[in-house]
């Protein structure tokens, strides 16, 4: 499965829309798009249907840096919350 990344620039912020499977091999590309997005950037996960644990950790790190994670499925949001509560190995 692949990942499609689309940048949507608006007046207030840039939305990075992800579609497909979000895995660790996509992080460099996602980081590059986030950097190009400017100071007000958000990740839109409405069309993400698969994510691995490293992807969850990446999303949590983005939120910790002030990047909004929008419209993700309930299972992804729940996993993010649980992962934040678990100690790092």
PDB file of N, CA and C in Angstrom:
ATOM      1  N   UNK A   1       0.829  -1.177   0.000  1.00  0.00           N
ATOM      2  CA  UNK A   1       0.000   0.000   0.000  1.00  0.00           C
ATOM      3  C   UNK A   1       0.880   1.250   0.000  1.00  0.00           C
ATOM      4  N   UNK A   2       0.438   2.266  -0.650  1.00  0.00           N
ATOM      5  CA  UNK A   2       1.227   3.488  -0.760  1.00  0.00           C
ATOM      6  C   UNK A   2       0.554   4.637  -0.018  1.00  0.00           C
ATOM      7  N   UNK A   3       1.270   5.747   0.037  1.00  0.00           N
ATOM      8  CA  UNK A   3       0.755   6.950   0.669  1.00  0.00           C
ATOM      9  C   UNK A   3       0.758   8.074  -0.347  1.00  0.00           C
ATOM     10  N   UNK A   4      -0.330   8.794  -0.404  1.00  0.00           N
ATOM     11  CA  UNK A   4      -0.432   9.986  -1.239  1.00  0.00           C
ATOM     12  C   UNK A   4      -0.409  11.190  -0.301  1.00  0.00           C
ATOM     13  N   UNK A   5       0.391  12.193  -0.645  1.00  0.00           N
ATOM     14  CA  UNK A   5       0.489  13.408   0.156  1.00  0.00           C
ATOM     15  C   UNK A   5       0.106  14.585  -0.721  1.00  0.00           C
ATOM     16  N   UNK A   6      -0.830  15.386  -0.235  1.00  0.00           N
ATOM     17  CA  UNK A   6      -1.299  16.554  -0.967  1.00  0.00           C
ATOM     18  C   UNK A   6      -1.254  17.769  -0.052  1.00  0.00           C
ATOM     19  N   UNK A   7      -0.672  18.852  -0.515  1.00  0.00           N
ATOM     20  CA  UNK A   7      -0.591  20.095   0.261  1.00  0.00           C
ATOM     21  C   UNK A   7      -1.695  21.030  -0.207  1.00  0.00           C
ATOM     22  N   UNK A   8      -2.496  21.528   0.733  1.00  0.00           N
ATOM     23  CA  UNK A   8      -3.587  22.442   0.431  1.00  0.00           C
ATOM     24  C   UNK A   8      -3.345  23.725   1.226  1.00  0.00           C
ATOM     25  N   UNK A   9      -3.024  24.787   0.523  1.00  0.00           N
ATOM     26  CA  UNK A   9      -2.721  26.067   1.176  1.00  0.00           C
ATOM     27  C   UNK A   9      -3.986  26.902   1.282  1.00  0.00           C
ATOM     28  N   UNK A  10      -4.219  27.398   2.492  1.00  0.00           N
ATOM     29  CA  UNK A  10      -5.358  28.272   2.738  1.00  0.00           C
ATOM     30  C   UNK A  10      -4.881  29.615   3.251  1.00  0.00           C
ATOM     31  N   UNK A  11      -5.824  30.460   3.635  1.00  0.00           N
ATOM     32  CA  UNK A  11      -5.476  31.790   4.130  1.00  0.00           C
ATOM     33  C   UNK A  11      -4.781  31.732   5.485  1.00  0.00           C
ATOM     34  N   UNK A  12      -5.261  30.875   6.357  1.00  0.00           N
ATOM     35  CA  UNK A  12      -4.730  30.816   7.719  1.00  0.00           C
ATOM     36  C   UNK A  12      -3.675  29.737   7.930  1.00  0.00           C
ATOM     37  N   UNK A  13      -3.851  28.625   7.259  1.00  0.00           N
ATOM     38  CA  UNK A  13      -2.897  27.530   7.451  1.00  0.00           C
ATOM     39  C   UNK A  13      -2.831  26.639   6.236  1.00  0.00           C
ATOM     40  N   UNK A  14      -1.824  25.786   6.261  1.00  0.00           N
ATOM     41  CA  UNK A  14      -1.628  24.796   5.212  1.00  0.00           C
ATOM     42  C   UNK A  14      -2.027  23.443   5.765  1.00  0.00           C
ATOM     43  N   UNK A  15      -2.818  22.729   4.991  1.00  0.00           N
ATOM     44  CA  UNK A  15      -3.234  21.387   5.379  1.00  0.00           C
ATOM     45  C   UNK A  15      -2.482  20.385   4.519  1.00  0.00           C
ATOM     46  N   UNK A  16      -1.883  19.399   5.166  1.00  0.00           N
ATOM     47  CA  UNK A  16      -1.209  18.305   4.478  1.00  0.00           C
ATOM     48  C   UNK A  16      -2.148  17.102   4.576  1.00  0.00           C
ATOM     49  N   UNK A  17      -2.748  16.733   3.444  1.00  0.00           N
ATOM     50  CA  UNK A  17      -3.693  15.624   3.441  1.00  0.00           C
ATOM     51  C   UNK A  17      -2.964  14.337   3.074  1.00  0.00           C
ATOM     52  N   UNK A  18      -3.089  13.355   3.949  1.00  0.00           N
ATOM     53  CA  UNK A  18      -2.479  12.045   3.735  1.00  0.00           C
ATOM     54  C   UNK A  18      -3.570  11.055   3.346  1.00  0.00           C
ATOM     55  N   UNK A  19      -3.275  10.199   2.380  1.00  0.00           N
ATOM     56  CA  UNK A  19      -4.231   9.184   1.935  1.00  0.00           C
ATOM     57  C   UNK A  19      -3.508   7.854   1.781  1.00  0.00           C
ATOM     58  N   UNK A  20      -4.099   6.796   2.346  1.00  0.00           N
ATOM     59  CA  UNK A  20      -3.525   5.457   2.210  1.00  0.00           C
ATOM     60  C   UNK A  20      -2.922   4.960   3.502  1.00  0.00           C
ATOM     61  N   UNK A  21      -1.769   4.331   3.399  1.00  0.00           N
ATOM     62  CA  UNK A  21      -1.079   3.740   4.552  1.00  0.00           C
ATOM     63  C   UNK A  21       0.075   4.646   4.965  1.00  0.00           C
ATOM     64  N   UNK A  22       0.111   5.023   6.245  1.00  0.00           N
ATOM     65  CA  UNK A  22       1.165   5.892   6.755  1.00  0.00           C
ATOM     66  C   UNK A  22       2.131   5.052   7.590  1.00  0.00           C
ATOM     67  N   UNK A  23       3.338   4.892   7.067  1.00  0.00           N
ATOM     68  CA  UNK A  23       4.356   4.050   7.712  1.00  0.00           C
ATOM     69  C   UNK A  23       5.667   4.803   7.803  1.00  0.00           C
ATOM     70  N   UNK A  24       6.604   4.222   8.521  1.00  0.00           N
ATOM     71  CA  UNK A  24       7.873   4.890   8.790  1.00  0.00           C
ATOM     72  C   UNK A  24       8.622   5.288   7.520  1.00  0.00           C
ATOM     73  N   UNK A  25       8.476   4.554   6.446  1.00  0.00           N
ATOM     74  CA  UNK A  25       9.203   4.916   5.222  1.00  0.00           C
ATOM     75  C   UNK A  25       8.685   6.219   4.589  1.00  0.00           C
ATOM     76  N   UNK A  26       7.551   6.735   5.073  1.00  0.00           N
ATOM     77  CA  UNK A  26       6.976   7.971   4.539  1.00  0.00           C
ATOM     78  C   UNK A  26       7.352   9.206   5.359  1.00  0.00           C
ATOM     79  N   UNK A  27       8.049   9.029   6.471  1.00  0.00           N
ATOM     80  CA  UNK A  27       8.315  10.143   7.382  1.00  0.00           C
ATOM     81  C   UNK A  27       9.115  11.270   6.734  1.00  0.00           C
ATOM     82  N   UNK A  28      10.149  10.939   5.982  1.00  0.00           N
ATOM     83  CA  UNK A  28      10.972  11.991   5.374  1.00  0.00           C
ATOM     84  C   UNK A  28      10.139  12.856   4.431  1.00  0.00           C
ATOM     85  N   UNK A  29       9.309  12.222   3.647  1.00  0.00           N
ATOM     86  CA  UNK A  29       8.466  12.967   2.717  1.00  0.00           C
ATOM     87  C   UNK A  29       7.439  13.816   3.481  1.00  0.00           C
ATOM     88  N   UNK A  30       6.848  13.254   4.524  1.00  0.00           N
ATOM     89  CA  UNK A  30       5.870  14.001   5.328  1.00  0.00           C
ATOM     90  C   UNK A  30       6.541  15.184   6.023  1.00  0.00           C
ATOM     91  N   UNK A  31       7.744  14.973   6.580  1.00  0.00           N
ATOM     92  CA  UNK A  31       8.471  16.063   7.233  1.00  0.00           C
ATOM     93  C   UNK A  31       8.781  17.183   6.255  1.00  0.00           C
ATOM     94  N   UNK A  32       9.174  16.842   5.042  1.00  0.00           N
ATOM     95  CA  UNK A  32       9.483  17.843   4.028  1.00  0.00           C
ATOM     96  C   UNK A  32       8.240  18.677   3.702  1.00  0.00           C
ATOM     97  N   UNK A  33       7.104  18.035   3.574  1.00  0.00           N
ATOM     98  CA  UNK A  33       5.860  18.766   3.295  1.00  0.00           C
ATOM     99  C   UNK A  33       5.469  19.653   4.466  1.00  0.00           C
ATOM    100  N   UNK A  34       5.663  19.167   5.680  1.00  0.00           N
ATOM    101  CA  UNK A  34       5.360  19.961   6.871  1.00  0.00           C
ATOM    102  C   UNK A  34       6.238  21.209   6.899  1.00  0.00           C
ATOM    103  N   UNK A  35       7.527  21.054   6.614  1.00  0.00           N
ATOM    104  CA  UNK A  35       8.445  22.197   6.597  1.00  0.00           C
ATOM    105  C   UNK A  35       8.053  23.206   5.518  1.00  0.00           C
ATOM    106  N   UNK A  36       7.634  22.738   4.365  1.00  0.00           N
ATOM    107  CA  UNK A  36       7.202  23.626   3.279  1.00  0.00           C
ATOM    108  C   UNK A  36       5.894  24.328   3.613  1.00  0.00           C
ATOM    109  N   UNK A  37       5.125  23.742   4.535  1.00  0.00           N
ATOM    110  CA  UNK A  37       3.800  24.275   4.861  1.00  0.00           C
ATOM    111  C   UNK A  37       3.812  25.570   5.634  1.00  0.00           C
ATOM    112  N   UNK A  38       4.921  25.905   6.258  1.00  0.00           N
ATOM    113  CA  UNK A  38       4.998  27.147   7.016  1.00  0.00           C
ATOM    114  C   UNK A  38       4.619  26.965   8.475  1.00  0.00           C
ATOM    115  N   UNK A  39       4.423  28.078   9.183  1.00  0.00           N
ATOM    116  CA  UNK A  39       4.218  28.010  10.632  1.00  0.00           C
ATOM    117  C   UNK A  39       2.864  27.431  11.051  1.00  0.00           C
ATOM    118  N   UNK A  40       1.838  27.615  10.259  1.00  0.00           N
ATOM    119  CA  UNK A  40       0.509  27.108  10.589  1.00  0.00           C
ATOM    120  C   UNK A  40       0.186  25.928   9.680  1.00  0.00           C
ATOM    121  N   UNK A  41       0.572  24.743  10.121  1.00  0.00           N
ATOM    122  CA  UNK A  41       0.368  23.551   9.298  1.00  0.00           C
ATOM    123  C   UNK A  41      -0.412  22.515  10.093  1.00  0.00           C
ATOM    124  N   UNK A  42      -1.234  21.752   9.390  1.00  0.00           N
ATOM    125  CA  UNK A  42      -2.021  20.689  10.011  1.00  0.00           C
ATOM    126  C   UNK A  42      -1.960  19.447   9.128  1.00  0.00           C
ATOM    127  N   UNK A  43      -1.985  18.299   9.762  1.00  0.00           N
ATOM    128  CA  UNK A  43      -2.053  17.025   9.042  1.00  0.00           C
ATOM    129  C   UNK A  43      -3.508  16.562   9.023  1.00  0.00           C
ATOM    130  N   UNK A  44      -4.022  16.259   7.854  1.00  0.00           N
ATOM    131  CA  UNK A  44      -5.389  15.790   7.669  1.00  0.00           C
ATOM    132  C   UNK A  44      -5.320  14.298   7.359  1.00  0.00           C
ATOM    133  N   UNK A  45      -5.828  13.487   8.275  1.00  0.00           N
ATOM    134  CA  UNK A  45      -5.723  12.029   8.144  1.00  0.00           C
ATOM    135  C   UNK A  45      -7.040  11.356   7.770  1.00  0.00           C
ATOM    136  N   UNK A  46      -7.975  12.116   7.246  1.00  0.00           N
ATOM    137  CA  UNK A  46      -9.292  11.542   6.960  1.00  0.00           C
ATOM    138  C   UNK A  46      -9.212  10.314   6.057  1.00  0.00           C
ATOM    139  N   UNK A  47      -8.264  10.279   5.133  1.00  0.00           N
ATOM    140  CA  UNK A  47      -8.181   9.176   4.180  1.00  0.00           C
ATOM    141  C   UNK A  47      -7.061   8.181   4.502  1.00  0.00           C
ATOM    142  N   UNK A  48      -6.519   8.256   5.709  1.00  0.00           N
ATOM    143  CA  UNK A  48      -5.511   7.274   6.129  1.00  0.00           C
ATOM    144  C   UNK A  48      -6.252   6.063   6.669  1.00  0.00           C
ATOM    145  N   UNK A  49      -5.958   4.898   6.104  1.00  0.00           N
ATOM    146  CA  UNK A  49      -6.656   3.694   6.535  1.00  0.00           C
ATOM    147  C   UNK A  49      -5.758   2.691   7.245  1.00  0.00           C
ATOM    148  N   UNK A  50      -4.447   2.956   7.281  1.00  0.00           N
ATOM    149  CA  UNK A  50      -3.527   2.053   7.949  1.00  0.00           C
ATOM    150  C   UNK A  50      -2.343   2.856   8.467  1.00  0.00           C
ATOM    151  N   UNK A  51      -1.919   2.547   9.680  1.00  0.00           N
ATOM    152  CA  UNK A  51      -0.777   3.226  10.286  1.00  0.00           C
ATOM    153  C   UNK A  51      -0.045   2.216  11.163  1.00  0.00           C
ATOM    154  N   UNK A  52       1.280   2.353  11.249  1.00  0.00           N
ATOM    155  CA  UNK A  52       2.033   1.465  12.140  1.00  0.00           C
ATOM    156  C   UNK A  52       2.392   2.212  13.416  1.00  0.00           C
ATOM    157  N   UNK A  53       2.991   1.518  14.374  1.00  0.00           N
ATOM    158  CA  UNK A  53       3.290   2.128  15.669  1.00  0.00           C
ATOM    159  C   UNK A  53       4.255   3.303  15.522  1.00  0.00           C
ATOM    160  N   UNK A  54       5.193   3.210  14.601  1.00  0.00           N
ATOM    161  CA  UNK A  54       6.105   4.335  14.384  1.00  0.00           C
ATOM    162  C   UNK A  54       5.348   5.542  13.825  1.00  0.00           C
ATOM    163  N   UNK A  55       4.328   5.278  13.015  1.00  0.00           N
ATOM    164  CA  UNK A  55       3.483   6.354  12.508  1.00  0.00           C
ATOM    165  C   UNK A  55       2.724   7.045  13.624  1.00  0.00           C
ATOM    166  N   UNK A  56       2.230   6.262  14.570  1.00  0.00           N
ATOM    167  CA  UNK A  56       1.539   6.823  15.736  1.00  0.00           C
ATOM    168  C   UNK A  56       2.496   7.704  16.528  1.00  0.00           C
ATOM    169  N   UNK A  57       3.709   7.237  16.733  1.00  0.00           N
ATOM    170  CA  UNK A  57       4.702   8.025  17.466  1.00  0.00           C
ATOM    171  C   UNK A  57       5.053   9.298  16.713  1.00  0.00           C
ATOM    172  N   UNK A  58       5.139   9.223  15.394  1.00  0.00           N
ATOM    173  CA  UNK A  58       5.395  10.399  14.567  1.00  0.00           C
ATOM    174  C   UNK A  58       4.263  11.416  14.736  1.00  0.00           C
ATOM    175  N   UNK A  59       3.016  10.951  14.693  1.00  0.00           N
ATOM    176  CA  UNK A  59       1.878  11.844  14.849  1.00  0.00           C
ATOM    177  C   UNK A  59       1.861  12.497  16.223  1.00  0.00           C
ATOM    178  N   UNK A  60       2.186  11.738  17.254  1.00  0.00           N
ATOM    179  CA  UNK A  60       2.269  12.309  18.607  1.00  0.00           C
ATOM    180  C   UNK A  60       3.363  13.363  18.692  1.00  0.00           C
ATOM    181  N   UNK A  61       4.499  13.108  18.048  1.00  0.00           N
ATOM    182  CA  UNK A  61       5.591  14.086  18.039  1.00  0.00           C
ATOM    183  C   UNK A  61       5.152  15.353  17.307  1.00  0.00           C
ATOM    184  N   UNK A  62       4.402  15.196  16.224  1.00  0.00           N
ATOM    185  CA  UNK A  62       3.895  16.364  15.502  1.00  0.00           C
ATOM    186  C   UNK A  62       2.992  17.197  16.406  1.00  0.00           C
ATOM    187  N   UNK A  63       2.075  16.547  17.094  1.00  0.00           N
ATOM    188  CA  UNK A  63       1.186  17.283  18.000  1.00  0.00           C
ATOM    189  C   UNK A  63       1.977  17.970  19.106  1.00  0.00           C
ATOM    190  N   UNK A  64       3.001  17.314  19.619  1.00  0.00           N
ATOM    191  CA  UNK A  64       3.836  17.909  20.668  1.00  0.00           C
ATOM    192  C   UNK A  64       4.541  19.165  20.168  1.00  0.00           C
ATOM    193  N   UNK A  65       4.789  19.244  18.857  1.00  0.00           N
ATOM    194  CA  UNK A  65       5.440  20.412  18.248  1.00  0.00           C
ATOM    195  C   UNK A  65       4.430  21.464  17.798  1.00  0.00           C
ATOM    196  N   UNK A  66       3.145  21.241  18.080  1.00  0.00           N
ATOM    197  CA  UNK A  66       2.127  22.227  17.732  1.00  0.00           C
ATOM    198  C   UNK A  66       1.475  22.028  16.386  1.00  0.00           C
ATOM    199  N   UNK A  67       1.733  20.903  15.746  1.00  0.00           N
ATOM    200  CA  UNK A  67       1.117  20.588  14.451  1.00  0.00           C
ATOM    201  C   UNK A  67      -0.195  19.853  14.729  1.00  0.00           C
ATOM    202  N   UNK A  68      -1.289  20.389  14.224  1.00  0.00           N
ATOM    203  CA  UNK A  68      -2.594  19.768  14.442  1.00  0.00           C
ATOM    204  C   UNK A  68      -2.725  18.490  13.625  1.00  0.00           C
ATOM    205  N   UNK A  69      -3.344  17.493  14.226  1.00  0.00           N
ATOM    206  CA  UNK A  69      -3.676  16.252  13.528  1.00  0.00           C
ATOM    207  C   UNK A  69      -5.198  16.220  13.436  1.00  0.00           C
ATOM    208  N   UNK A  70      -5.710  16.369  12.229  1.00  0.00           N
ATOM    209  CA  UNK A  70      -7.142  16.526  12.004  1.00  0.00           C
ATOM    210  C   UNK A  70      -7.773  15.295  11.378  1.00  0.00           C
ATOM    211  N   UNK A  71      -9.032  15.098  11.669  1.00  0.00           N
ATOM    212  CA  UNK A  71      -9.922  14.133  11.011  1.00  0.00           C
ATOM    213  C   UNK A  71      -9.354  12.726  10.894  1.00  0.00           C
ATOM    214  N   UNK A  72      -8.699  12.270  11.937  1.00  0.00           N
ATOM    215  CA  UNK A  72      -8.219  10.887  11.901  1.00  0.00           C
ATOM    216  C   UNK A  72      -9.301   9.962  12.444  1.00  0.00           C
ATOM    217  N   UNK A  73      -9.200   8.711  12.102  1.00  0.00           N
ATOM    218  CA  UNK A  73     -10.197   7.743  12.540  1.00  0.00           C
ATOM    219  C   UNK A  73     -10.111   7.559  14.057  1.00  0.00           C
ATOM    220  N   UNK A  74     -11.206   7.134  14.666  1.00  0.00           N
ATOM    221  CA  UNK A  74     -11.199   6.938  16.120  1.00  0.00           C
ATOM    222  C   UNK A  74     -10.125   5.955  16.588  1.00  0.00           C
ATOM    223  N   UNK A  75      -9.837   4.919  15.793  1.00  0.00           N
ATOM    224  CA  UNK A  75      -8.831   3.955  16.231  1.00  0.00           C
ATOM    225  C   UNK A  75      -7.449   4.591  16.251  1.00  0.00           C
ATOM    226  N   UNK A  76      -7.149   5.479  15.308  1.00  0.00           N
ATOM    227  CA  UNK A  76      -5.850   6.150  15.303  1.00  0.00           C
ATOM    228  C   UNK A  76      -5.752   7.092  16.489  1.00  0.00           C
ATOM    229  N   UNK A  77      -6.799   7.881  16.745  1.00  0.00           N
ATOM    230  CA  UNK A  77      -6.794   8.814  17.873  1.00  0.00           C
ATOM    231  C   UNK A  77      -6.628   8.065  19.201  1.00  0.00           C
ATOM    232  N   UNK A  78      -7.353   6.975  19.362  1.00  0.00           N
ATOM    233  CA  UNK A  78      -7.249   6.179  20.591  1.00  0.00           C
ATOM    234  C   UNK A  78      -5.843   5.617  20.752  1.00  0.00           C
ATOM    235  N   UNK A  79      -5.268   5.122  19.684  1.00  0.00           N
ATOM    236  CA  UNK A  79      -3.919   4.569  19.726  1.00  0.00           C
ATOM    237  C   UNK A  79      -2.913   5.658  20.090  1.00  0.00           C
ATOM    238  N   UNK A  80      -3.111   6.860  19.542  1.00  0.00           N
ATOM    239  CA  UNK A  80      -2.219   7.977  19.882  1.00  0.00           C
ATOM    240  C   UNK A  80      -2.278   8.275  21.378  1.00  0.00           C
ATOM    241  N   UNK A  81      -3.476   8.311  21.923  1.00  0.00           N
ATOM    242  CA  UNK A  81      -3.654   8.583  23.357  1.00  0.00           C
ATOM    243  C   UNK A  81      -2.989   7.493  24.188  1.00  0.00           C
ATOM    244  N   UNK A  82      -3.209   6.263  23.831  1.00  0.00           N
ATOM    245  CA  UNK A  82      -2.598   5.147  24.571  1.00  0.00           C
ATOM    246  C   UNK A  82      -1.076   5.163  24.482  1.00  0.00           C
ATOM    247  N   UNK A  83      -0.556   5.454  23.297  1.00  0.00           N
ATOM    248  CA  UNK A  83       0.901   5.470  23.106  1.00  0.00           C
ATOM    249  C   UNK A  83       1.543   6.578  23.946  1.00  0.00           C
ATOM    250  N   UNK A  84       0.884   7.701  24.075  1.00  0.00           N
ATOM    251  CA  UNK A  84       1.423   8.794  24.912  1.00  0.00           C
ATOM    252  C   UNK A  84       1.528   8.374  26.367  1.00  0.00           C
ATOM    253  N   UNK A  85       0.665   7.464  26.798  1.00  0.00           N
ATOM    254  CA  UNK A  85       0.665   7.017  28.182  1.00  0.00           C
ATOM    255  C   UNK A  85       1.642   5.910  28.476  1.00  0.00           C
ATOM    256  N   UNK A  86       2.219   5.299  27.454  1.00  0.00           N
ATOM    257  CA  UNK A  86       3.119   4.178  27.655  1.00  0.00           C
ATOM    258  C   UNK A  86       4.557   4.672  27.772  1.00  0.00           C
ATOM    259  N   UNK A  87       5.327   4.091  28.699  1.00  0.00           N
ATOM    260  CA  UNK A  87       6.736   4.492  28.784  1.00  0.00           C
ATOM    261  C   UNK A  87       7.513   4.029  27.567  1.00  0.00           C
ATOM    262  N   UNK A  88       8.495   4.803  27.201  1.00  0.00           N
ATOM    263  CA  UNK A  88       9.344   4.442  26.064  1.00  0.00           C
ATOM    264  C   UNK A  88      10.325   3.350  26.473  1.00  0.00           C
ATOM    265  N   UNK A  89      10.585   2.413  25.583  1.00  0.00           N
ATOM    266  CA  UNK A  89      11.501   1.306  25.878  1.00  0.00           C
ATOM    267  C   UNK A  89      12.937   1.734  25.703  1.00  0.00           C
TER     268      UNK A  89
END
